[in-house]
Protein backbone atom coordinates (compact mmCIF):
# COMPACT_ATOMS: atom_id res chain seq x y z
CA UNK A 1 -30.84 -50.14 147.43
CA UNK A 2 -28.88 -46.77 146.91
CA UNK A 3 -26.45 -47.69 144.04
CA UNK A 4 -22.53 -47.44 145.19
CA UNK A 5 -20.54 -45.03 143.38
CA UNK A 6 -16.71 -45.37 142.79
CA UNK A 7 -14.20 -43.04 141.92
CA UNK A 8 -10.32 -42.95 140.98
CA UNK A 9 -8.23 -40.31 142.37
CA UNK A 10 -4.96 -40.26 140.26
CA UNK A 11 -2.40 -38.88 142.68
CA UNK A 12 0.44 -38.81 139.96
CA UNK A 13 2.53 -35.66 140.26
CA UNK A 14 1.09 -34.66 143.67
CA UNK A 15 3.52 -33.92 146.06
CA UNK A 16 3.93 -36.12 149.07
CA UNK A 17 1.99 -34.89 152.27
CA UNK A 18 -1.14 -34.82 153.97
CA UNK A 19 -4.69 -34.21 151.97
CA UNK A 20 -8.53 -33.78 152.96
CA UNK A 21 -10.81 -35.55 150.75
CA UNK A 22 -14.29 -34.25 150.51
CA UNK A 23 -17.61 -36.15 149.36
CA UNK A 24 -20.67 -34.49 149.09
CA UNK A 25 -23.90 -36.91 148.73
CA UNK A 26 -27.30 -35.30 147.82
CA UNK A 27 -30.61 -36.90 147.83
CA UNK A 28 -33.69 -36.47 145.83
CA UNK A 29 -34.77 -33.56 147.68
CA UNK A 30 -31.29 -32.00 147.20
CA UNK A 31 -30.33 -32.28 150.69
CA UNK A 32 -26.74 -32.35 151.11
CA UNK A 33 -24.34 -34.06 153.48
CA UNK A 34 -20.65 -33.48 153.46
CA UNK A 35 -17.68 -36.21 154.31
CA UNK A 36 -14.00 -35.30 154.92
CA UNK A 37 -11.49 -38.00 155.09
CA UNK A 38 -7.74 -37.26 155.97
CA UNK A 39 -5.43 -39.00 153.95
CA UNK A 40 -1.80 -38.68 153.14
CA UNK A 41 0.38 -39.50 150.03
CA UNK A 42 3.88 -41.15 150.62
CA UNK A 43 6.38 -42.40 148.02
CA UNK A 44 9.61 -41.93 149.46
CA UNK A 45 10.89 -45.16 151.26
CA UNK A 46 11.33 -44.60 155.20
CA UNK A 47 14.73 -45.21 156.33
CA UNK A 48 16.45 -44.29 159.90
CA UNK A 49 20.04 -44.31 160.78
CA UNK A 50 21.42 -44.32 164.55
CA UNK A 51 24.61 -41.79 163.92
CA UNK A 52 25.25 -41.67 167.53
CA UNK A 53 27.06 -43.38 169.57
CA UNK A 54 29.18 -45.09 167.15
CA UNK A 55 30.03 -49.03 167.35
CA UNK A 56 32.24 -50.16 169.88
CA UNK A 57 32.18 -46.59 171.65
CA UNK A 58 33.48 -46.95 175.02
CA UNK A 59 31.47 -45.58 178.04
CA UNK A 60 31.74 -45.98 181.70
CA UNK A 61 28.72 -46.68 184.44
CA UNK A 62 26.81 -43.52 184.93
CA UNK A 63 27.85 -41.87 181.76
CA UNK A 64 25.46 -39.56 179.94
CA UNK A 65 25.05 -40.95 176.47
CA UNK A 66 23.75 -38.97 173.79
CA UNK A 67 21.76 -40.71 171.06
CA UNK A 68 21.02 -39.23 167.53
CA UNK A 69 19.10 -40.43 164.61
CA UNK A 70 18.58 -39.37 161.11
CA UNK A 71 15.67 -39.96 158.91
CA UNK A 72 14.87 -40.12 155.02
CA UNK A 73 11.56 -40.52 154.26
CA UNK A 74 8.21 -38.65 153.62
CA UNK A 75 7.26 -35.44 154.92
CA UNK A 76 5.22 -35.26 158.20
CA UNK A 77 7.13 -37.92 160.25
CA UNK A 78 5.27 -39.22 163.18
CA UNK A 79 8.39 -39.43 165.12
CA UNK A 80 11.69 -41.60 166.09
CA UNK A 81 11.83 -43.85 169.24
CA UNK A 82 15.01 -44.91 170.68
CA UNK A 83 15.55 -48.33 172.26
CA UNK A 84 18.21 -50.14 174.39
CA UNK A 85 18.16 -53.76 174.78
CA UNK A 86 14.71 -53.72 173.31
CA UNK A 87 13.18 -51.17 175.76
CA UNK A 88 12.27 -47.81 174.62
CA UNK A 89 13.99 -45.11 176.66
CA UNK A 90 12.87 -42.05 174.78
CA UNK A 91 10.65 -40.69 171.92
CA UNK A 92 11.38 -37.42 169.84
CA UNK A 93 8.69 -36.17 167.73
CA UNK A 94 10.69 -33.38 165.92
CA UNK A 95 13.92 -33.13 164.10
CA UNK A 96 16.90 -33.28 165.04
CA UNK A 97 15.79 -36.65 166.66
CA UNK A 98 17.83 -36.85 169.89
CA UNK A 99 17.87 -38.61 173.27
CA UNK A 100 20.05 -39.17 176.25
CA UNK A 101 20.52 -42.60 178.16
CA UNK A 102 22.05 -43.05 181.48
CA UNK A 103 24.61 -45.67 180.62
CA UNK A 104 24.56 -49.12 182.87
CA UNK A 105 27.46 -51.71 183.03
CA UNK A 106 27.72 -54.22 180.30
CA UNK A 107 26.95 -54.80 176.90
CA UNK A 108 24.10 -53.31 175.29
CA UNK A 109 22.27 -53.08 171.82
CA UNK A 110 20.85 -49.42 170.53
CA UNK A 111 18.45 -49.03 167.93
CA UNK A 112 15.94 -46.23 166.60
CA UNK A 113 12.93 -46.86 165.11
CA UNK A 114 11.24 -44.04 162.66
CA UNK A 115 7.42 -43.89 162.13
CA UNK A 116 5.82 -42.11 159.01
CA UNK A 117 2.36 -40.23 159.52
CA UNK A 118 0.32 -43.10 158.09
CA UNK A 119 2.07 -45.26 160.36
CA UNK A 120 4.79 -46.88 158.48
CA UNK A 121 7.46 -48.09 160.46
CA UNK A 122 11.64 -48.56 159.79
CA UNK A 123 14.20 -49.84 162.20
CA UNK A 124 17.86 -48.83 162.10
CA UNK A 125 20.69 -50.87 162.00
CA UNK A 126 21.46 -51.88 165.53
CA UNK A 127 24.54 -50.47 167.42
CA UNK A 128 26.49 -52.47 169.93
CA UNK A 129 28.39 -50.61 172.64
CA UNK A 130 29.92 -51.57 175.84
CA UNK A 131 29.96 -50.14 179.38
CA UNK A 132 32.55 -50.59 181.90
CA UNK A 133 32.38 -49.76 185.60
CA UNK A 134 34.19 -46.74 186.44
CA UNK A 135 37.54 -47.40 188.15
CA UNK A 136 37.87 -47.19 191.89
CA UNK A 137 39.33 -44.04 193.06
CA UNK A 138 42.66 -44.46 194.91
CA UNK A 139 42.45 -43.10 198.54
CA UNK A 140 44.95 -40.33 199.02
CA UNK A 141 46.96 -41.27 202.03
CA UNK A 142 46.96 -38.23 204.58
CA UNK A 143 50.32 -36.72 205.17
CA UNK A 144 52.74 -37.84 207.93
CA UNK A 145 51.55 -35.62 211.09
CA UNK A 146 53.09 -36.63 214.24
CA UNK A 147 53.66 -34.69 218.01
CA UNK A 148 57.08 -35.58 218.74
CA UNK A 149 57.31 -34.13 221.92
CA UNK A 150 55.68 -35.07 224.30
CA UNK A 151 55.18 -38.52 223.51
CA UNK A 152 51.99 -40.22 224.14
CA UNK A 153 51.56 -41.33 227.52
CA UNK A 154 54.61 -39.28 228.87
CA UNK A 155 55.15 -37.95 232.53
CA UNK A 156 56.49 -34.49 232.47
CA UNK A 157 57.86 -32.88 235.72
CA UNK A 158 58.17 -29.30 234.60
CA UNK A 159 56.11 -26.06 234.68
CA UNK A 160 56.72 -25.09 231.25
CA UNK A 161 56.17 -28.07 228.49
CA UNK A 162 57.56 -27.49 224.93
CA UNK A 163 54.90 -28.98 222.19
CA UNK A 164 57.02 -30.05 219.05
CA UNK A 165 54.91 -31.16 215.94
CA UNK A 166 56.36 -32.47 212.75
CA UNK A 167 54.76 -32.21 209.05
CA UNK A 168 55.70 -34.72 206.43
CA UNK A 169 57.27 -33.63 203.01
CA UNK A 170 54.73 -32.22 200.81
CA UNK A 171 52.02 -31.89 203.52
CA UNK A 172 51.36 -28.28 202.53
CA UNK A 173 50.46 -27.41 206.06
CA UNK A 174 51.71 -23.93 206.91
CA UNK A 175 49.88 -23.33 210.31
CA UNK A 176 49.14 -25.41 213.46
CA UNK A 177 46.55 -25.08 216.20
CA UNK A 178 47.33 -26.42 219.61
CA UNK A 179 44.60 -27.71 221.81
CA UNK A 180 44.82 -28.72 225.34
CA UNK A 181 41.83 -30.44 226.81
CA UNK A 182 39.58 -28.79 223.83
CA UNK A 183 40.92 -25.18 224.72
CA UNK A 184 42.77 -23.45 222.02
CA UNK A 185 46.27 -22.55 223.68
CA UNK A 186 48.06 -21.37 220.62
CA UNK A 187 48.94 -21.32 216.90
CA UNK A 188 52.21 -21.81 215.31
CA UNK A 189 52.99 -20.59 211.78
CA UNK A 190 55.83 -22.19 209.62
CA UNK A 191 56.52 -25.35 207.48
CA UNK A 192 57.65 -28.85 208.45
CA UNK A 193 58.13 -28.45 212.30
CA UNK A 194 55.62 -26.35 214.76
CA UNK A 195 56.58 -25.63 218.29
CA UNK A 196 54.75 -23.69 221.28
CA UNK A 197 55.21 -23.42 224.87
CA UNK A 198 52.57 -24.54 227.35
CA UNK A 199 52.24 -23.62 231.33
CA UNK A 200 51.49 -26.77 232.48
CA UNK A 201 49.32 -27.53 235.27
CA UNK A 202 48.86 -31.00 237.26
CA UNK A 203 46.96 -33.71 236.14
CA UNK A 204 46.18 -35.83 232.79
CA UNK A 205 45.86 -33.81 229.71
CA UNK A 206 44.88 -34.03 226.38
CA UNK A 207 46.89 -32.45 223.81
CA UNK A 208 45.91 -32.05 220.24
CA UNK A 209 47.29 -30.33 217.07
CA UNK A 210 45.55 -29.47 213.95
CA UNK A 211 47.46 -28.59 210.90
CA UNK A 212 46.14 -26.48 207.89
CA UNK A 213 47.22 -25.25 204.44
CA UNK A 214 47.42 -22.00 203.10
CA UNK A 215 43.74 -22.01 202.12
CA UNK A 216 42.66 -22.42 206.00
CA UNK A 217 41.58 -26.22 204.95
CA UNK A 218 42.17 -28.83 207.49
CA UNK A 219 45.10 -31.03 206.25
CA UNK A 220 45.68 -33.41 209.34
CA UNK A 221 45.59 -33.84 213.12
CA UNK A 222 46.79 -35.78 215.63
CA UNK A 223 46.93 -35.87 219.73
CA UNK A 224 48.59 -37.53 222.52
CA UNK A 225 47.92 -37.86 226.31
CA UNK A 226 50.43 -36.76 228.82
CA UNK A 227 50.66 -36.53 232.78
CA UNK A 228 51.97 -33.31 234.41
CA UNK A 229 53.58 -32.77 237.60
CA UNK A 230 55.24 -28.95 237.47
CA UNK A 231 56.70 -29.52 240.83
CA UNK A 232 56.99 -27.13 243.90
């Protein structure tokens, strides 16, 4: 049997980091063979801290939550994993160690796990946060916007009909377009009240008014049905 040789490598005083060990073996014929082994010297204890978010920090469902961790330990870290409720949601291999998580409702436990180049592992202290559901937005009521004359289902015996529209306070309406049976018959500019005259023709008609603000955006609309008989 070939003798087994042993050696001791004194690493005292060597800086932390990766090293390559080379072993050269020679036989009686002076034939040589080399073996290379990658090793790493680690002395510094591995520690990781989850610095963001902070415990108790409030969030709403759907928020983008920024996670960040700081690591103290040997050189050449393998990376940091981020966990939410024991489920890994991201990994970052380079400092600064950061990730983003889309919040979901409820109470959650966040944690960071760091790994050294040799596979050593360190867990951060868990951080507890609560995520609330976003408030339901309050619907903005449409402003009052009414055709005062003629009234709905009214019968009008006249060859010329006045159409009067009133916009409620704070509506912001500055222009009203008037339609009869889908045709734009007139436009009125103003504030609060808007009026036009329409040359009536016999029959049943749908009168519609559409109010716009100064920017040209529709604010409200209303309509009535009338019956006209202009007479002889």
